[in-house]
Amino acid sequence: MTTLFISDLHLDASRPAITELFLAFLRSEALEADALYILGDLFEAWIGDDTPSPAADAVAAALKEVSDAGVPVYFIRGNRDFLLGEQYAARAGMRILPDPSVIDLYGTPVLLQHGDLLCTDDLPYQQFRAQTRDPAFQAQFLAQPLAARIAFAQKARDASQSRQSEMKQGDRAQFETVTDVAPAEVDATFIRFGVDTMIHGHTHRPAVHSLMAGGQARTRIVLGDWYEQGSVLRVTSDGMSLQAL
């Protein structure tokens, strides 16, 4: 049996082919898995569980079929869908996990997280993250009319794209450093949680990294995004494989 890990699908009406690829994945190998873990950014944007979306409805129905088939589905919120709530999770048959979380994976403790907490060199983003994860901010935001939430989300998205464009036009090496994980934070996270394996997404840099932290050998697996193809980590009791779909 296999446990599946995915993240950064960024499902959006502008890319229907990726939504169809994900639905096909759910209707095939996901139904035969030991468990399915979605480590954030399932959707390109999420401004509340009450947002009308045929694509989100189809995804919820397909995920619920996986759950109803006896395959546990777990979800960690990402930086794009941190407002995804218990109402949608119930419709999709998903259990929301804290970010980060330690799980038992075939007898091995493994740390799961979306990954943005590791990008500590991006100070403006970390400040934005702290603000938007505040329960008071979220309650105030979700109480606004849908039109106001849509406008706010678009403004924040435009500002983020503008900032990234400016950074890319400047020092490209600095951009790559700031938007990737901070090695010191990775080391500290391994030591703090006392695990040898970490799985996360967010950076869109799929790879399996072997490193030393606290004098011990560790493994950090980075999941790929689904902008132009799928990306899935398959783990069995015998090993793991990070592959594109």
Protein backbone atom coordinates (compact mmCIF):
# COMPACT_ATOMS: atom_id res chain seq x y z
CA MET A 1 0.00 0.00 0.00
CA THR A 2 1.03 3.60 -0.63
CA THR A 3 0.59 6.91 1.16
CA LEU A 4 0.28 9.89 -1.19
CA PHE A 5 1.47 13.46 -0.62
CA ILE A 6 0.63 16.44 -2.84
CA SER A 7 0.64 20.22 -2.52
CA ASP A 8 0.49 23.47 -4.47
CA LEU A 9 -2.17 22.45 -6.95
CA HIS A 10 -3.36 26.08 -7.14
CA LEU A 11 -6.63 24.94 -8.71
CA ASP A 12 -8.24 27.79 -10.59
CA ALA A 13 -10.93 28.27 -13.23
CA SER A 14 -8.28 29.61 -15.60
CA ARG A 15 -6.56 26.19 -15.73
CA PRO A 16 -9.35 23.61 -16.11
CA ALA A 17 -6.97 20.94 -17.45
CA ILE A 18 -5.14 20.79 -14.10
CA THR A 19 -8.43 20.43 -12.25
CA GLU A 20 -9.33 17.53 -14.54
CA LEU A 21 -5.90 15.96 -13.95
CA PHE A 22 -6.48 16.15 -10.20
CA LEU A 23 -9.98 14.70 -10.47
CA ALA A 24 -8.59 11.81 -12.53
CA PHE A 25 -5.91 11.26 -9.87
CA LEU A 26 -8.59 11.13 -7.16
CA ARG A 27 -10.71 8.67 -9.14
CA SER A 28 -7.78 6.33 -9.77
CA GLU A 29 -4.77 5.71 -7.52
CA ALA A 30 -6.02 7.85 -4.63
CA LEU A 31 -8.87 5.37 -4.12
CA GLU A 32 -6.32 2.61 -3.49
CA ALA A 33 -4.02 4.52 -1.12
CA ASP A 34 -3.41 4.09 2.60
CA ALA A 35 -3.94 7.84 3.00
CA LEU A 36 -3.83 11.11 1.06
CA TYR A 37 -2.14 14.22 2.44
CA ILE A 38 -2.65 17.63 0.80
CA LEU A 39 -0.06 20.06 2.15
CA GLY A 40 -1.64 23.37 1.28
CA ASP A 41 -2.49 25.60 -1.68
CA LEU A 42 -5.07 23.20 -3.02
CA PHE A 43 -6.71 26.29 -4.51
CA GLU A 44 -5.17 29.39 -6.08
CA ALA A 45 -7.26 31.54 -3.75
CA TRP A 46 -9.85 30.93 -1.04
CA ILE A 47 -11.87 33.74 0.48
CA GLY A 48 -14.36 31.71 2.47
CA ASP A 49 -16.26 28.43 2.41
CA ASP A 50 -19.33 30.29 1.13
CA THR A 51 -17.65 31.29 -2.15
CA PRO A 52 -19.55 29.84 -5.14
CA SER A 53 -17.24 27.65 -7.26
CA PRO A 54 -18.29 24.74 -9.50
CA ALA A 55 -14.66 23.55 -9.56
CA ALA A 56 -14.45 23.54 -5.76
CA ASP A 57 -17.75 21.66 -5.65
CA ALA A 58 -16.42 19.00 -8.02
CA VAL A 59 -13.19 18.68 -6.04
CA ALA A 60 -15.10 18.33 -2.77
CA ALA A 61 -17.29 15.59 -4.23
CA ALA A 62 -14.29 13.67 -5.58
CA LEU A 63 -12.37 13.98 -2.31
CA LYS A 64 -15.44 12.78 -0.41
CA GLU A 65 -15.54 9.69 -2.63
CA VAL A 66 -11.93 8.97 -1.64
CA SER A 67 -12.77 9.42 2.03
CA ASP A 68 -15.92 7.33 1.76
CA ALA A 69 -13.84 4.56 0.17
CA GLY A 70 -11.94 4.29 3.46
CA VAL A 71 -8.90 6.39 2.51
CA PRO A 72 -8.19 9.10 5.13
CA VAL A 73 -7.73 12.54 3.56
CA TYR A 74 -5.69 15.11 5.49
CA PHE A 75 -5.21 18.78 4.70
CA ILE A 76 -2.77 21.44 5.90
CA ARG A 77 -3.67 25.01 4.98
CA GLY A 78 -1.35 26.89 2.62
CA ASN A 79 -0.65 30.56 2.05
CA ARG A 80 -3.32 30.73 -0.67
CA ASP A 81 -6.09 28.78 1.08
CA PHE A 82 -5.47 29.49 4.77
CA LEU A 83 -9.14 30.49 5.09
CA LEU A 84 -10.38 27.07 4.05
CA GLY A 85 -12.59 26.08 6.95
CA GLU A 86 -14.30 23.16 8.59
CA GLN A 87 -17.44 23.55 6.47
CA TYR A 88 -15.63 22.82 3.21
CA ALA A 89 -13.42 20.23 4.88
CA ALA A 90 -16.54 18.34 5.99
CA ARG A 91 -17.97 18.44 2.47
CA ALA A 92 -14.68 17.04 1.15
CA GLY A 93 -14.26 14.43 3.87
CA MET A 94 -10.95 16.01 4.89
CA ARG A 95 -9.41 16.37 8.32
CA ILE A 96 -7.52 19.64 8.79
CA LEU A 97 -4.15 19.22 10.50
CA PRO A 98 -2.13 21.93 12.28
CA ASP A 99 0.81 23.41 10.43
CA PRO A 100 3.25 21.82 11.18
CA SER A 101 2.26 18.30 12.24
CA VAL A 102 4.22 15.13 13.02
CA ILE A 103 2.74 11.86 11.74
CA ASP A 104 3.71 8.20 12.03
CA LEU A 105 4.57 7.07 8.50
CA TYR A 106 5.09 3.31 8.47
CA GLY A 107 6.83 3.47 11.84
CA THR A 108 8.86 6.62 11.15
CA PRO A 109 7.99 10.04 12.64
CA VAL A 110 7.72 12.54 9.78
CA LEU A 111 7.15 16.30 9.98
CA LEU A 112 4.59 17.73 7.55
CA GLN A 113 4.04 21.40 6.81
CA HIS A 114 3.08 23.69 3.97
CA GLY A 115 6.58 25.17 3.92
CA ASP A 116 6.13 28.92 4.13
CA LEU A 117 7.18 28.95 7.79
CA LEU A 118 10.64 27.90 6.61
CA CYS A 119 11.06 30.97 4.37
CA THR A 120 12.15 33.28 7.17
CA ASP A 121 14.35 35.47 4.92
CA ASP A 122 11.17 36.88 3.35
CA LEU A 123 10.36 39.27 6.19
CA PRO A 124 7.47 41.15 4.51
CA TYR A 125 5.72 37.86 3.77
CA GLN A 126 6.22 36.59 7.33
CA GLN A 127 4.66 39.80 8.64
CA PHE A 128 1.72 39.39 6.27
CA ARG A 129 1.39 35.76 7.32
CA ALA A 130 1.28 36.65 11.01
CA GLN A 131 -1.41 39.25 10.35
CA THR A 132 -3.65 37.02 8.23
CA ARG A 133 -3.41 34.03 10.57
CA ASP A 134 -4.74 36.09 13.47
CA PRO A 135 -8.20 34.75 14.40
CA ALA A 136 -9.56 38.28 14.89
CA PHE A 137 -8.41 39.33 11.42
CA GLN A 138 -9.94 36.23 9.85
CA ALA A 139 -13.26 36.69 11.63
CA GLN A 140 -13.43 40.32 10.52
CA PHE A 141 -12.51 39.43 6.95
CA LEU A 142 -15.01 36.58 6.65
CA ALA A 143 -17.78 38.84 8.02
CA GLN A 144 -17.43 41.14 5.01
CA PRO A 145 -19.65 40.77 1.93
CA LEU A 146 -18.36 38.44 -0.77
CA ALA A 147 -17.68 41.31 -3.19
CA ALA A 148 -15.46 43.07 -0.64
CA ARG A 149 -13.52 39.87 0.02
CA ILE A 150 -12.99 39.31 -3.70
CA ALA A 151 -11.68 42.86 -4.11
CA PHE A 152 -9.31 42.49 -1.15
CA ALA A 153 -7.97 39.18 -2.42
CA GLN A 154 -7.36 40.59 -5.90
CA LYS A 155 -5.56 43.61 -4.44
CA ALA A 156 -3.33 41.38 -2.30
CA ARG A 157 -2.63 39.11 -5.26
CA ASP A 158 -1.68 42.06 -7.50
CA ALA A 159 0.61 43.46 -4.81
CA SER A 160 2.33 40.09 -4.40
CA GLN A 161 2.86 39.67 -8.15
CA SER A 162 4.19 43.23 -8.43
CA ARG A 163 6.65 42.66 -5.60
CA GLN A 164 7.89 39.39 -7.08
CA SER A 165 8.29 41.02 -10.50
CA GLU A 166 10.38 43.81 -8.99
CA MET A 167 12.54 41.31 -7.11
CA LYS A 168 13.14 39.24 -10.27
CA GLN A 169 14.18 42.33 -12.21
CA GLY A 170 16.70 43.20 -9.51
CA ASP A 171 19.07 40.69 -7.95
CA ARG A 172 17.90 37.32 -9.29
CA ALA A 173 20.11 35.42 -6.86
CA GLN A 174 18.62 37.37 -3.97
CA PHE A 175 15.11 36.58 -5.23
CA GLU A 176 15.90 32.86 -5.31
CA THR A 177 17.31 33.03 -1.77
CA VAL A 178 14.43 35.01 -0.27
CA THR A 179 11.71 32.83 -1.81
CA ASP A 180 13.35 29.56 -0.80
CA VAL A 181 13.68 28.03 2.66
CA ALA A 182 16.27 29.42 5.06
CA PRO A 183 18.82 26.66 5.83
CA ALA A 184 19.17 27.77 9.45
CA GLU A 185 15.40 27.55 9.93
CA VAL A 186 15.34 24.08 8.36
CA ASP A 187 18.04 22.90 10.77
CA ALA A 188 16.28 24.45 13.75
CA THR A 189 12.96 22.86 12.74
CA PHE A 190 14.48 19.40 12.47
CA ILE A 191 16.06 19.76 15.91
CA ARG A 192 12.95 21.29 17.51
CA PHE A 193 10.67 18.45 16.39
CA GLY A 194 13.24 15.68 16.80
CA VAL A 195 12.56 14.06 13.43
CA ASP A 196 14.84 12.94 10.61
CA THR A 197 12.35 13.42 7.75
CA MET A 198 10.39 16.48 6.65
CA ILE A 199 7.89 16.84 3.79
CA HIS A 200 6.64 20.22 2.58
CA GLY A 201 5.64 22.23 -0.48
CA HIS A 202 5.30 25.98 -1.06
CA THR A 203 8.62 26.70 -2.80
CA HIS A 204 7.75 24.90 -6.07
CA ARG A 205 11.25 23.39 -6.10
CA PRO A 206 10.60 19.61 -6.07
CA ALA A 207 13.59 17.68 -4.78
CA VAL A 208 14.82 15.25 -2.15
CA HIS A 209 17.53 16.87 -0.01
CA SER A 210 19.96 14.98 2.22
CA LEU A 211 21.56 17.15 4.91
CA MET A 212 23.08 17.20 8.36
CA ALA A 213 21.28 18.97 11.22
CA GLY A 214 22.22 18.67 14.88
CA GLY A 215 24.92 16.18 13.97
CA GLN A 216 22.43 13.77 12.39
CA ALA A 217 21.57 12.85 8.81
CA ARG A 218 18.18 14.22 7.76
CA THR A 219 15.97 14.16 4.67
CA ARG A 220 13.84 17.05 3.39
CA ILE A 221 11.38 16.26 0.59
CA VAL A 222 9.94 19.21 -1.34
CA LEU A 223 6.74 18.57 -3.29
CA GLY A 224 6.25 20.09 -6.72
CA ASP A 225 3.46 22.38 -7.91
CA TRP A 226 0.67 21.53 -10.36
CA TYR A 227 0.81 24.57 -12.62
CA GLU A 228 1.75 22.65 -15.78
CA GLN A 229 1.79 19.03 -14.56
CA GLY A 230 1.03 17.01 -11.49
CA SER A 231 3.49 16.16 -8.73
CA VAL A 232 3.06 13.37 -6.19
CA LEU A 233 5.19 11.76 -3.52
CA ARG A 234 4.44 8.07 -3.14
CA VAL A 235 5.64 6.47 0.10
CA THR A 236 5.54 2.78 1.01
CA SER A 237 7.10 0.87 3.88
CA ASP A 238 10.00 0.13 1.51
CA GLY A 239 10.82 3.63 0.28
CA MET A 240 9.59 6.75 -1.49
CA SER A 241 9.35 8.19 -5.00
CA LEU A 242 8.74 11.81 -5.99
CA GLN A 243 7.32 11.88 -9.51
CA ALA A 244 5.54 14.10 -12.02
CA LEU A 245 2.15 13.13 -13.43
